């Protein structure tokens, strides 16, 4: 079992940047791939960035070139740096392992991109 706590969301203008964090209750990043997911209004949750223990990284088409996933194993924390944010990036952002475990979802962090 692991708990994830996401933080760092907020209101940002289009074109702006934001870095959100995900702290895990234990060292799960050492042996499990993890991802940032987001849920936009009236849409199912979808992954936006993935990273494996070997640091293989994938981005969704919408995130490619704008988002950067990283992690600090010593802090059991993952990050998502988001640049050039667009209104369609407005969503609740979550982290979880890959594939996602239903019991591991945290409360997420709200990111709102609006002028």
N, C-alpha and C. Protein backbone atom coordinates (compact mmCIF):
# COMPACT_ATOMS: atom_id res chain seq x y z
N UNK A 1 0.84 -1.19 0.00
CA UNK A 1 0.00 0.00 0.00
C UNK A 1 0.88 1.24 0.00
N UNK A 2 0.43 2.27 -0.68
CA UNK A 2 1.17 3.52 -0.70
C UNK A 2 0.17 4.67 -0.80
N UNK A 3 0.52 5.76 -0.20
CA UNK A 3 -0.30 6.97 -0.30
C UNK A 3 0.46 8.03 -1.08
N UNK A 4 -0.26 8.70 -1.95
CA UNK A 4 0.31 9.80 -2.71
C UNK A 4 -0.35 11.10 -2.28
N UNK A 5 0.44 12.12 -2.12
CA UNK A 5 -0.08 13.44 -1.78
C UNK A 5 0.43 14.43 -2.83
N UNK A 6 -0.51 14.94 -3.60
CA UNK A 6 -0.16 15.90 -4.65
C UNK A 6 -0.31 17.33 -4.12
N UNK A 7 0.53 18.21 -4.63
CA UNK A 7 0.47 19.60 -4.20
C UNK A 7 1.06 20.52 -5.28
N UNK A 8 0.82 21.81 -5.10
CA UNK A 8 1.45 22.78 -5.99
C UNK A 8 0.56 23.34 -7.07
N UNK A 9 -0.67 22.87 -7.14
CA UNK A 9 -1.57 23.39 -8.16
C UNK A 9 -1.99 24.82 -7.87
N UNK A 10 -2.72 25.39 -8.80
CA UNK A 10 -3.20 26.75 -8.61
C UNK A 10 -3.74 27.33 -9.89
N UNK A 11 -3.94 28.64 -9.84
CA UNK A 11 -4.46 29.38 -10.99
C UNK A 11 -3.28 30.03 -11.72
N UNK A 12 -3.21 29.82 -13.02
CA UNK A 12 -2.12 30.38 -13.81
C UNK A 12 -2.69 30.88 -15.13
N UNK A 13 -2.08 31.91 -15.64
CA UNK A 13 -2.54 32.47 -16.92
C UNK A 13 -2.04 31.62 -18.09
N UNK A 14 -2.76 31.65 -19.20
CA UNK A 14 -2.27 30.94 -20.39
C UNK A 14 -0.84 31.38 -20.73
N UNK A 15 -0.02 30.40 -21.08
CA UNK A 15 1.38 30.67 -21.36
C UNK A 15 2.28 30.60 -20.14
N UNK A 16 1.68 30.50 -18.98
CA UNK A 16 2.45 30.45 -17.75
C UNK A 16 2.98 29.07 -17.44
N UNK A 17 3.66 28.98 -16.30
CA UNK A 17 4.29 27.73 -15.87
C UNK A 17 3.88 27.39 -14.45
N UNK A 18 3.96 26.11 -14.15
CA UNK A 18 3.64 25.63 -12.82
C UNK A 18 4.38 24.32 -12.61
N UNK A 19 4.84 24.09 -11.38
CA UNK A 19 5.49 22.82 -11.04
C UNK A 19 4.71 22.20 -9.90
N UNK A 20 4.20 21.01 -10.14
CA UNK A 20 3.45 20.31 -9.11
C UNK A 20 4.26 19.12 -8.60
N UNK A 21 3.91 18.71 -7.38
CA UNK A 21 4.68 17.68 -6.69
C UNK A 21 3.79 16.54 -6.24
N UNK A 22 4.41 15.40 -6.09
CA UNK A 22 3.71 14.20 -5.62
C UNK A 22 4.63 13.48 -4.65
N UNK A 23 4.23 13.45 -3.39
CA UNK A 23 5.03 12.77 -2.39
C UNK A 23 4.41 11.42 -2.08
N UNK A 24 5.24 10.39 -2.13
CA UNK A 24 4.79 9.04 -1.82
C UNK A 24 5.14 8.70 -0.38
N UNK A 25 4.33 7.84 0.21
CA UNK A 25 4.54 7.49 1.62
C UNK A 25 5.69 6.51 1.81
N UNK A 26 6.18 5.94 0.71
CA UNK A 26 7.34 5.07 0.79
C UNK A 26 8.08 5.07 -0.53
N UNK A 27 9.19 4.31 -0.62
CA UNK A 27 10.10 4.38 -1.76
C UNK A 27 9.62 3.58 -2.96
N UNK A 28 8.41 3.85 -3.39
CA UNK A 28 7.84 3.08 -4.49
C UNK A 28 8.48 3.42 -5.83
N UNK A 29 9.03 4.62 -5.96
CA UNK A 29 9.62 5.01 -7.23
C UNK A 29 10.86 4.19 -7.58
N UNK A 30 11.43 3.51 -6.59
CA UNK A 30 12.63 2.71 -6.84
C UNK A 30 12.33 1.45 -7.65
N UNK A 31 11.09 0.99 -7.61
CA UNK A 31 10.81 -0.29 -8.25
C UNK A 31 9.53 -0.32 -9.05
N UNK A 32 8.82 0.80 -9.14
CA UNK A 32 7.59 0.81 -9.91
C UNK A 32 7.56 2.01 -10.84
N UNK A 33 7.14 1.79 -12.08
CA UNK A 33 6.90 2.95 -12.94
C UNK A 33 5.78 3.77 -12.35
N UNK A 34 5.83 5.05 -12.55
CA UNK A 34 4.77 5.92 -12.06
C UNK A 34 4.40 6.93 -13.14
N UNK A 35 3.28 7.54 -12.96
CA UNK A 35 2.80 8.49 -13.95
C UNK A 35 2.06 9.62 -13.28
N UNK A 36 2.03 10.74 -13.98
CA UNK A 36 1.11 11.80 -13.68
C UNK A 36 -0.13 11.59 -14.57
N UNK A 37 -1.27 11.70 -13.94
CA UNK A 37 -2.55 11.57 -14.64
C UNK A 37 -3.31 12.89 -14.42
N UNK A 38 -4.26 13.13 -15.27
CA UNK A 38 -5.12 14.28 -15.04
C UNK A 38 -6.55 13.94 -15.44
N UNK A 39 -7.46 14.63 -14.80
CA UNK A 39 -8.88 14.45 -15.12
C UNK A 39 -9.47 15.81 -15.40
N UNK A 40 -9.79 16.02 -16.65
CA UNK A 40 -10.44 17.27 -17.04
C UNK A 40 -11.93 17.13 -16.81
N UNK A 41 -12.63 18.25 -16.68
CA UNK A 41 -14.08 18.20 -16.42
C UNK A 41 -14.79 17.34 -17.46
N UNK A 42 -15.63 16.44 -16.97
CA UNK A 42 -16.47 15.58 -17.81
C UNK A 42 -15.67 14.63 -18.69
N UNK A 43 -14.43 14.34 -18.31
CA UNK A 43 -13.61 13.39 -19.06
C UNK A 43 -13.02 12.35 -18.11
N UNK A 44 -12.70 11.17 -18.61
CA UNK A 44 -12.05 10.19 -17.75
C UNK A 44 -10.60 10.59 -17.44
N UNK A 45 -10.05 10.03 -16.39
CA UNK A 45 -8.67 10.28 -16.03
C UNK A 45 -7.75 9.71 -17.10
N UNK A 46 -6.69 10.43 -17.43
CA UNK A 46 -5.76 9.99 -18.47
C UNK A 46 -4.34 10.34 -18.06
N UNK A 47 -3.39 9.52 -18.47
CA UNK A 47 -1.99 9.79 -18.12
C UNK A 47 -1.45 10.90 -19.01
N UNK A 48 -0.50 11.66 -18.48
CA UNK A 48 0.16 12.71 -19.26
C UNK A 48 1.66 12.51 -19.33
N UNK A 49 2.24 11.86 -18.32
CA UNK A 49 3.69 11.63 -18.32
C UNK A 49 3.99 10.40 -17.47
N UNK A 50 4.94 9.60 -17.94
CA UNK A 50 5.31 8.39 -17.24
C UNK A 50 6.83 8.36 -17.06
N UNK A 51 7.27 7.72 -15.98
CA UNK A 51 8.70 7.52 -15.77
C UNK A 51 8.90 6.16 -15.10
N UNK A 52 9.92 5.44 -15.55
CA UNK A 52 10.21 4.13 -14.99
C UNK A 52 11.38 4.23 -14.01
N UNK A 53 11.63 3.17 -13.22
CA UNK A 53 12.79 3.20 -12.33
C UNK A 53 14.11 3.40 -13.09
N UNK A 54 14.14 3.00 -14.36
CA UNK A 54 15.34 3.18 -15.18
C UNK A 54 15.35 4.53 -15.89
N UNK A 55 14.40 5.39 -15.51
CA UNK A 55 14.32 6.75 -16.07
C UNK A 55 13.93 6.78 -17.53
N UNK A 56 13.22 5.78 -17.99
CA UNK A 56 12.59 5.88 -19.31
C UNK A 56 11.33 6.71 -19.16
N UNK A 57 11.18 7.67 -20.06
CA UNK A 57 10.10 8.65 -19.92
C UNK A 57 9.24 8.67 -21.17
N UNK A 58 7.95 8.83 -20.96
CA UNK A 58 7.00 8.99 -22.06
C UNK A 58 6.08 10.15 -21.73
N UNK A 59 5.65 10.84 -22.76
CA UNK A 59 4.68 11.91 -22.62
C UNK A 59 3.50 11.67 -23.54
N UNK A 60 2.34 12.10 -23.10
CA UNK A 60 1.19 12.09 -24.00
C UNK A 60 1.43 13.14 -25.08
N UNK A 61 0.68 13.03 -26.14
CA UNK A 61 0.85 14.01 -27.23
C UNK A 61 0.59 15.43 -26.74
N UNK A 62 -0.36 15.59 -25.85
CA UNK A 62 -0.70 16.93 -25.37
C UNK A 62 0.38 17.51 -24.47
N UNK A 63 1.18 16.65 -23.84
CA UNK A 63 2.20 17.11 -22.91
C UNK A 63 3.57 17.26 -23.55
N UNK A 64 3.78 16.58 -24.66
CA UNK A 64 5.10 16.54 -25.29
C UNK A 64 5.60 17.95 -25.63
N UNK A 65 6.82 18.23 -25.23
CA UNK A 65 7.42 19.52 -25.53
C UNK A 65 7.09 20.62 -24.54
N UNK A 66 6.12 20.37 -23.65
CA UNK A 66 5.73 21.40 -22.69
C UNK A 66 5.89 20.95 -21.24
N UNK A 67 5.71 19.66 -20.98
CA UNK A 67 5.77 19.13 -19.62
C UNK A 67 7.05 18.32 -19.44
N UNK A 68 7.57 18.34 -18.20
CA UNK A 68 8.74 17.55 -17.87
C UNK A 68 8.50 16.82 -16.55
N UNK A 69 8.62 15.50 -16.60
CA UNK A 69 8.46 14.69 -15.39
C UNK A 69 9.85 14.42 -14.81
N UNK A 70 9.92 14.43 -13.49
CA UNK A 70 11.18 14.12 -12.82
C UNK A 70 10.86 13.57 -11.44
N UNK A 71 11.87 13.12 -10.74
CA UNK A 71 11.63 12.63 -9.39
C UNK A 71 12.91 12.71 -8.60
N UNK A 72 12.71 12.76 -7.29
CA UNK A 72 13.81 12.75 -6.33
C UNK A 72 13.60 11.51 -5.47
N UNK A 73 14.38 10.47 -5.74
CA UNK A 73 14.17 9.21 -5.04
C UNK A 73 14.41 9.37 -3.54
N UNK A 74 15.37 10.19 -3.18
CA UNK A 74 15.68 10.36 -1.76
C UNK A 74 14.51 10.96 -0.99
N UNK A 75 13.68 11.74 -1.70
CA UNK A 75 12.54 12.39 -1.05
C UNK A 75 11.23 11.66 -1.36
N UNK A 76 11.31 10.56 -2.10
CA UNK A 76 10.08 9.84 -2.51
C UNK A 76 9.09 10.80 -3.17
N UNK A 77 9.60 11.70 -3.97
CA UNK A 77 8.77 12.76 -4.55
C UNK A 77 8.98 12.84 -6.06
N UNK A 78 7.89 12.97 -6.76
CA UNK A 78 7.92 13.17 -8.20
C UNK A 78 7.39 14.56 -8.51
N UNK A 79 7.79 15.07 -9.64
CA UNK A 79 7.42 16.42 -10.03
C UNK A 79 6.91 16.43 -11.47
N UNK A 80 6.12 17.44 -11.76
CA UNK A 80 5.72 17.69 -13.14
C UNK A 80 5.86 19.19 -13.39
N UNK A 81 6.85 19.54 -14.18
CA UNK A 81 7.03 20.92 -14.58
C UNK A 81 6.20 21.15 -15.83
N UNK A 82 5.32 22.12 -15.77
CA UNK A 82 4.41 22.39 -16.88
C UNK A 82 4.66 23.80 -17.39
N UNK A 83 5.01 23.91 -18.65
CA UNK A 83 5.28 25.20 -19.27
C UNK A 83 4.27 25.46 -20.39
N UNK A 84 4.17 26.71 -20.78
CA UNK A 84 3.27 27.11 -21.87
C UNK A 84 1.88 26.51 -21.66
N UNK A 85 1.36 26.72 -20.48
CA UNK A 85 0.07 26.12 -20.13
C UNK A 85 -1.05 26.72 -20.96
N UNK A 86 -2.02 25.87 -21.25
CA UNK A 86 -3.17 26.24 -22.07
C UNK A 86 -4.45 26.01 -21.27
N UNK A 87 -5.52 26.69 -21.63
CA UNK A 87 -6.78 26.46 -20.90
C UNK A 87 -7.19 24.99 -20.88
N UNK A 88 -6.87 24.24 -21.92
CA UNK A 88 -7.24 22.83 -21.95
C UNK A 88 -6.41 21.98 -21.01
N UNK A 89 -5.40 22.55 -20.37
CA UNK A 89 -4.64 21.84 -19.34
C UNK A 89 -5.34 21.91 -17.99
N UNK A 90 -6.41 22.68 -17.91
CA UNK A 90 -7.17 22.76 -16.67
C UNK A 90 -7.70 21.39 -16.30
N UNK A 91 -7.35 20.94 -15.10
CA UNK A 91 -7.70 19.59 -14.67
C UNK A 91 -7.25 19.39 -13.23
N UNK A 92 -7.69 18.30 -12.66
CA UNK A 92 -7.12 17.82 -11.40
C UNK A 92 -6.01 16.84 -11.76
N UNK A 93 -4.84 17.07 -11.23
CA UNK A 93 -3.66 16.25 -11.54
C UNK A 93 -3.37 15.30 -10.38
N UNK A 94 -3.12 14.04 -10.74
CA UNK A 94 -2.86 12.99 -9.77
C UNK A 94 -1.58 12.26 -10.15
N UNK A 95 -1.00 11.57 -9.19
CA UNK A 95 0.06 10.62 -9.52
C UNK A 95 -0.36 9.24 -9.02
N UNK A 96 0.20 8.25 -9.65
CA UNK A 96 -0.10 6.86 -9.30
C UNK A 96 0.94 6.01 -9.99
N UNK A 97 0.95 4.74 -9.64
CA UNK A 97 1.85 3.82 -10.32
C UNK A 97 1.26 3.49 -11.69
N UNK A 98 2.05 2.73 -12.47
CA UNK A 98 1.60 2.27 -13.78
C UNK A 98 1.66 0.74 -13.80
N UNK A 99 0.55 0.05 -14.08
CA UNK A 99 -0.79 0.60 -14.22
C UNK A 99 -1.32 1.12 -12.88
N UNK A 100 -2.25 2.03 -12.97
CA UNK A 100 -2.76 2.69 -11.77
C UNK A 100 -3.47 1.69 -10.85
N UNK A 101 -3.23 1.86 -9.56
CA UNK A 101 -3.90 1.08 -8.55
C UNK A 101 -5.05 1.92 -7.98
N UNK A 102 -6.24 1.37 -7.98
CA UNK A 102 -7.40 2.16 -7.56
C UNK A 102 -7.28 2.64 -6.13
N UNK A 103 -6.65 1.86 -5.29
CA UNK A 103 -6.55 2.24 -3.89
C UNK A 103 -5.47 3.25 -3.59
N UNK A 104 -4.69 3.63 -4.60
CA UNK A 104 -3.57 4.54 -4.39
C UNK A 104 -3.89 6.00 -4.76
N UNK A 105 -5.06 6.24 -5.32
CA UNK A 105 -5.35 7.61 -5.74
C UNK A 105 -5.37 8.56 -4.55
N UNK A 106 -4.71 9.68 -4.69
CA UNK A 106 -4.79 10.74 -3.71
C UNK A 106 -5.90 11.71 -4.07
N UNK A 107 -5.88 12.86 -3.43
CA UNK A 107 -6.91 13.85 -3.69
C UNK A 107 -6.61 14.71 -4.91
N UNK A 108 -5.38 14.63 -5.38
CA UNK A 108 -5.02 15.40 -6.56
C UNK A 108 -4.77 16.87 -6.24
N UNK A 109 -4.31 17.57 -7.25
CA UNK A 109 -4.10 19.01 -7.11
C UNK A 109 -4.71 19.70 -8.32
N UNK A 110 -5.51 20.73 -8.06
CA UNK A 110 -6.23 21.41 -9.14
C UNK A 110 -5.33 22.41 -9.84
N UNK A 111 -5.29 22.30 -11.15
CA UNK A 111 -4.59 23.28 -11.98
C UNK A 111 -5.62 23.95 -12.85
N UNK A 112 -5.67 25.26 -12.76
CA UNK A 112 -6.62 26.03 -13.56
C UNK A 112 -5.85 27.04 -14.40
N UNK A 113 -6.05 26.97 -15.70
CA UNK A 113 -5.37 27.88 -16.62
C UNK A 113 -6.43 28.81 -17.19
N UNK A 114 -6.34 30.05 -16.80
CA UNK A 114 -7.37 31.01 -17.22
C UNK A 114 -6.81 32.42 -17.09
N UNK A 115 -7.30 33.28 -17.96
CA UNK A 115 -6.92 34.68 -17.87
C UNK A 115 -7.95 35.45 -17.05
